Amino acid sequence: MDVDTDIGGHRNRFPVTSHSAIVAAASRDAEVRQRALETIVASYWKPAYKYIRIKWQASNEDAKDLTQSFFTTAIEKGYFADYEAEKASFQTFFRTCLDRFVVNQKKSEQRLKRGAGADHLSLDFAGAENELVSNLPAADLNAEDFFHREWVRSLFTLSVETLEERYTQTGRDIQFKIFELYDLRESVEGKASYGSLATEFGLKVTDVTNYLAAARRDFRKILLEKVRELTGTEAEYQTEVRALLGIDVQ
């Protein structure tokens, strides 16, 4: 199977909307399968890299090589198509595959070639390492919970990126900027006020209120789309949504 060089990059070329990429990874349709794999890699590579760094105490370089090699191997050998939803959640299955891969590498005492898989996957390891250093896990946080925490972080980051892309494409840059400044950033002086944002952008306070309400609705919709993409069953989807948002969805 040919792997596109954009897979796992800053944006997915073909977002899989409102469908499970986990299920689609086993599709017989090559294009559907490719789109699904792009979605899985884009969402899971950072948690995988950080998990290898923490659980396996791998160096930065070794973790990079293991992450690259794992995804390249998983795609070439169809690991994700073997997922059976009735046995475990996809996250549990993914971690099992990843742990097994790392163990096998250690057992065989193979030294991964530096940059293995780099021709296939374009991944921002420097950014992932900076995030890890800034958010090291507490001593009492187990590896499973750490992986899930980083998966949630990846999910929110991708959702924000998707919202920004959609708003930019539809000429709503100011609406996104207001959402970013109010909901995503907090300066040394504290959170921006509706009044200060209205003054900064030459708007009415009611405009700021309406822009924020719309952006929050759109962000929530995108987040739900991402969760749907990255869960293999309805039960898993509902569990993750309940944990993230504290709600049940239909």
Protein backbone atom coordinates (compact mmCIF):
# COMPACT_ATOMS: atom_id res chain seq x y z
CA MET A 1 0.00 0.00 0.00
CA ASP A 2 1.36 3.41 -0.93
CA VAL A 3 1.41 5.89 1.91
CA ASP A 4 0.95 9.55 1.02
CA THR A 5 3.62 11.86 2.41
CA ASP A 6 0.97 14.15 3.90
CA ILE A 7 -0.37 11.45 6.17
CA GLY A 8 -0.29 12.56 9.78
CA GLY A 9 0.58 16.13 8.84
CA HIS A 10 -0.80 19.46 10.10
CA ARG A 11 -4.12 18.94 8.32
CA ASN A 12 -5.89 15.86 6.99
CA ARG A 13 -6.25 16.11 3.23
CA PHE A 14 -9.53 14.16 3.30
CA PRO A 15 -11.36 14.54 6.61
CA VAL A 16 -13.67 11.62 7.34
CA THR A 17 -16.77 13.42 8.58
CA SER A 18 -19.44 11.84 10.79
CA HIS A 19 -18.12 8.31 10.23
CA SER A 20 -15.78 6.07 12.14
CA ALA A 21 -12.26 6.04 10.72
CA ILE A 22 -11.67 3.01 12.92
CA VAL A 23 -14.28 1.03 10.98
CA ALA A 24 -13.18 2.50 7.64
CA ALA A 25 -9.59 1.35 8.22
CA ALA A 26 -10.78 -2.14 7.27
CA SER A 27 -12.59 -1.00 4.11
CA ARG A 28 -11.89 -2.75 0.82
CA ASP A 29 -12.06 0.65 -0.89
CA ALA A 30 -8.46 1.89 -1.09
CA GLU A 31 -9.42 5.59 -0.99
CA VAL A 32 -11.73 5.15 2.00
CA ARG A 33 -9.06 3.13 3.78
CA GLN A 34 -6.40 5.76 3.02
CA ARG A 35 -8.57 8.57 4.37
CA ALA A 36 -9.24 6.58 7.53
CA LEU A 37 -5.56 5.85 8.10
CA GLU A 38 -4.71 9.53 7.68
CA THR A 39 -7.26 10.37 10.36
CA ILE A 40 -5.93 7.74 12.77
CA VAL A 41 -2.30 8.77 12.32
CA ALA A 42 -3.07 12.49 12.65
CA SER A 43 -4.91 11.89 15.92
CA TYR A 44 -2.76 9.20 17.51
CA TRP A 45 0.86 9.92 16.63
CA LYS A 46 1.45 12.51 19.36
CA PRO A 47 -0.07 10.38 22.14
CA ALA A 48 1.99 7.44 20.83
CA TYR A 49 5.24 9.40 20.81
CA LYS A 50 4.70 10.80 24.31
CA TYR A 51 3.60 7.40 25.62
CA ILE A 52 6.80 5.80 24.32
CA ARG A 53 8.86 8.57 25.92
CA ILE A 54 7.19 8.14 29.32
CA LYS A 55 6.26 4.46 29.66
CA TRP A 56 9.27 3.03 27.87
CA GLN A 57 11.64 5.79 29.01
CA ALA A 58 12.89 6.13 25.46
CA SER A 59 15.14 8.96 24.42
CA ASN A 60 13.79 11.65 22.15
CA GLU A 61 15.51 10.14 19.10
CA ASP A 62 14.53 6.56 19.90
CA ALA A 63 10.91 7.57 20.51
CA LYS A 64 10.83 9.38 17.16
CA ASP A 65 12.20 6.33 15.37
CA LEU A 66 9.84 3.94 17.15
CA THR A 67 6.82 6.14 16.42
CA GLN A 68 7.71 6.49 12.74
CA SER A 69 8.44 2.79 12.39
CA PHE A 70 5.32 1.72 14.28
CA PHE A 71 2.92 3.67 12.08
CA THR A 72 4.72 2.71 8.89
CA THR A 73 4.56 -0.95 9.89
CA ALA A 74 0.97 -0.70 11.11
CA ILE A 75 -0.14 0.77 7.79
CA GLU A 76 1.84 -1.65 5.63
CA LYS A 77 0.70 -4.72 7.58
CA GLY A 78 -2.88 -3.57 8.21
CA TYR A 79 -2.76 -3.63 12.01
CA PHE A 80 -5.77 -1.37 12.44
CA ALA A 81 -7.96 -3.52 10.18
CA ASP A 82 -7.61 -6.31 12.77
CA TYR A 83 -9.41 -4.32 15.46
CA GLU A 84 -12.37 -6.19 16.98
CA ALA A 85 -14.68 -3.78 18.79
CA GLU A 86 -16.32 -6.47 20.93
CA LYS A 87 -12.99 -7.23 22.64
CA ALA A 88 -11.80 -3.77 23.72
CA SER A 89 -11.90 -0.06 22.98
CA PHE A 90 -9.76 1.10 20.08
CA GLN A 91 -7.46 2.97 22.47
CA THR A 92 -6.78 -0.23 24.39
CA PHE A 93 -6.19 -2.12 21.15
CA PHE A 94 -3.89 0.64 19.88
CA ARG A 95 -1.79 0.68 23.06
CA THR A 96 -1.54 -3.12 22.96
CA CYS A 97 -0.26 -3.00 19.39
CA LEU A 98 2.17 -0.23 20.27
CA ASP A 99 3.49 -2.00 23.39
CA ARG A 100 3.93 -5.24 21.48
CA PHE A 101 5.82 -3.44 18.74
CA VAL A 102 8.20 -1.76 21.21
CA VAL A 103 8.78 -5.03 23.09
CA ASN A 104 9.58 -6.86 19.86
CA GLN A 105 12.05 -4.15 18.88
CA LYS A 106 13.77 -4.47 22.24
CA LYS A 107 13.80 -8.27 22.16
CA SER A 108 15.35 -8.42 18.75
CA GLU A 109 17.86 -5.80 19.85
CA GLN A 110 17.38 -4.10 16.53
CA ARG A 111 18.65 -0.60 16.33
CA LEU A 112 16.15 1.35 14.33
CA LYS A 113 17.62 3.30 11.48
CA ARG A 114 17.59 6.99 12.32
CA GLY A 115 14.67 8.64 10.57
CA ALA A 116 12.99 5.32 9.72
CA GLY A 117 9.72 6.03 7.98
CA ALA A 118 10.54 9.70 7.50
CA ASP A 119 9.86 9.44 3.79
CA HIS A 120 6.30 8.45 4.58
CA LEU A 121 5.21 10.36 7.66
CA SER A 122 5.68 14.08 8.21
CA LEU A 123 5.36 14.55 11.97
CA ASP A 124 6.21 17.57 14.12
CA PHE A 125 8.24 15.79 16.78
CA ALA A 126 9.81 19.02 18.02
CA GLY A 127 6.36 20.39 18.81
CA ALA A 128 5.33 17.15 20.50
CA GLU A 129 8.48 17.17 22.64
CA ASN A 130 7.86 20.78 23.70
CA GLU A 131 4.31 19.86 24.71
CA LEU A 132 5.59 16.90 26.70
CA VAL A 133 8.20 18.96 28.55
CA SER A 134 5.54 21.56 29.38
CA ASN A 135 3.04 18.98 30.61
CA LEU A 136 4.93 16.13 32.22
CA PRO A 137 2.64 13.59 33.89
CA ALA A 138 2.28 13.51 37.65
CA ALA A 139 4.11 10.69 39.38
CA ASP A 140 0.83 8.93 40.25
CA LEU A 141 -0.59 9.07 36.70
CA ASN A 142 -0.43 5.62 35.14
CA ALA A 143 0.56 5.03 31.53
CA GLU A 144 -3.00 4.26 30.38
CA ASP A 145 -4.44 7.46 31.84
CA PHE A 146 -1.49 9.46 30.49
CA PHE A 147 -2.12 8.11 27.00
CA HIS A 148 -5.80 9.03 27.23
CA ARG A 149 -4.94 12.52 28.49
CA GLU A 150 -2.70 13.10 25.51
CA TRP A 151 -5.28 11.65 23.14
CA VAL A 152 -7.80 14.18 24.45
CA ARG A 153 -5.23 16.95 24.02
CA SER A 154 -4.66 15.84 20.41
CA LEU A 155 -8.41 15.69 19.81
CA PHE A 156 -8.96 19.25 21.04
CA THR A 157 -5.98 20.57 19.06
CA LEU A 158 -7.23 19.01 15.83
CA SER A 159 -10.73 20.36 16.49
CA VAL A 160 -9.41 23.90 16.97
CA GLU A 161 -7.35 23.59 13.78
CA THR A 162 -10.40 22.39 11.86
CA LEU A 163 -12.52 25.25 13.19
CA GLU A 164 -9.85 27.78 12.19
CA GLU A 165 -9.57 26.27 8.72
CA ARG A 166 -13.33 26.32 8.15
CA TYR A 167 -13.69 29.87 9.42
CA THR A 168 -10.77 31.08 7.30
CA GLN A 169 -12.25 29.47 4.21
CA THR A 170 -15.60 31.19 4.82
CA GLY A 171 -14.24 34.65 5.63
CA ARG A 172 -14.86 34.48 9.37
CA ASP A 173 -11.33 35.20 10.54
CA ILE A 174 -12.48 37.76 13.11
CA GLN A 175 -14.99 35.36 14.60
CA PHE A 176 -12.27 32.74 15.07
CA LYS A 177 -9.83 35.28 16.49
CA ILE A 178 -12.38 36.36 19.09
CA PHE A 179 -13.01 32.71 19.99
CA GLU A 180 -9.26 32.13 20.25
CA LEU A 181 -8.62 35.19 22.40
CA TYR A 182 -11.54 34.62 24.76
CA ASP A 183 -11.78 30.83 25.06
CA LEU A 184 -8.29 29.57 24.21
CA ARG A 185 -5.88 32.18 25.52
CA GLU A 186 -5.40 33.90 28.83
CA SER A 187 -2.84 36.66 29.15
CA VAL A 188 -0.88 37.63 32.24
CA GLU A 189 -3.60 40.22 32.91
CA GLY A 190 -6.30 37.56 32.70
CA LYS A 191 -9.04 36.66 30.23
CA ALA A 192 -10.14 39.32 27.75
CA SER A 193 -13.57 40.84 28.36
CA TYR A 194 -16.40 41.10 25.87
CA GLY A 195 -16.01 44.86 26.06
CA SER A 196 -12.28 44.85 25.34
CA LEU A 197 -12.76 42.51 22.39
CA ALA A 198 -15.54 44.71 21.00
CA THR A 199 -13.25 47.73 21.22
CA GLU A 200 -10.29 45.88 19.67
CA PHE A 201 -12.27 44.72 16.65
CA GLY A 202 -14.61 47.69 16.29
CA LEU A 203 -17.71 45.68 17.12
CA LYS A 204 -20.71 45.89 19.40
CA VAL A 205 -20.64 43.82 22.56
CA THR A 206 -23.67 41.94 21.24
CA ASP A 207 -21.63 41.01 18.15
CA VAL A 208 -18.91 39.53 20.33
CA THR A 209 -21.55 37.60 22.29
CA ASN A 210 -23.08 36.22 19.09
CA TYR A 211 -19.71 35.36 17.53
CA LEU A 212 -18.60 33.46 20.62
CA ALA A 213 -21.88 31.56 20.86
CA ALA A 214 -21.68 30.52 17.21
CA ALA A 215 -18.01 29.53 17.43
CA ARG A 216 -18.66 27.43 20.53
CA ARG A 217 -21.50 25.62 18.77
CA ASP A 218 -19.33 24.97 15.74
CA PHE A 219 -16.40 23.82 17.88
CA ARG A 220 -18.64 21.41 19.80
CA LYS A 221 -19.95 20.00 16.51
CA ILE A 222 -16.42 19.50 15.18
CA LEU A 223 -15.30 17.89 18.43
CA LEU A 224 -18.18 15.43 18.23
CA GLU A 225 -17.22 14.67 14.63
CA LYS A 226 -13.66 13.92 15.75
CA VAL A 227 -14.82 11.64 18.54
CA ARG A 228 -17.08 9.82 16.08
CA GLU A 229 -14.16 9.36 13.69
CA LEU A 230 -11.92 7.94 16.38
CA THR A 231 -14.21 5.46 18.12
CA GLY A 232 -15.19 2.06 16.80
CA THR A 233 -18.62 1.59 18.38
CA GLU A 234 -21.59 3.65 19.48
CA ALA A 235 -20.96 2.68 23.10
CA GLU A 236 -17.34 3.86 22.94
CA TYR A 237 -18.47 7.08 21.26
CA GLN A 238 -21.03 7.79 23.97
CA THR A 239 -18.51 7.01 26.73
CA GLU A 240 -15.93 9.41 25.33
CA VAL A 241 -18.45 12.20 24.74
CA ARG A 242 -19.78 11.81 28.27
CA ALA A 243 -16.24 12.02 29.65
CA LEU A 244 -15.32 15.04 27.52
CA LEU A 245 -18.51 17.09 27.65
CA GLY A 246 -20.61 15.53 30.38
CA ILE A 247 -23.54 14.96 28.04
CA ASP A 248 -25.35 12.17 26.21
CA VAL A 249 -25.85 12.66 22.47
CA GLN A 250 -28.17 11.04 19.99
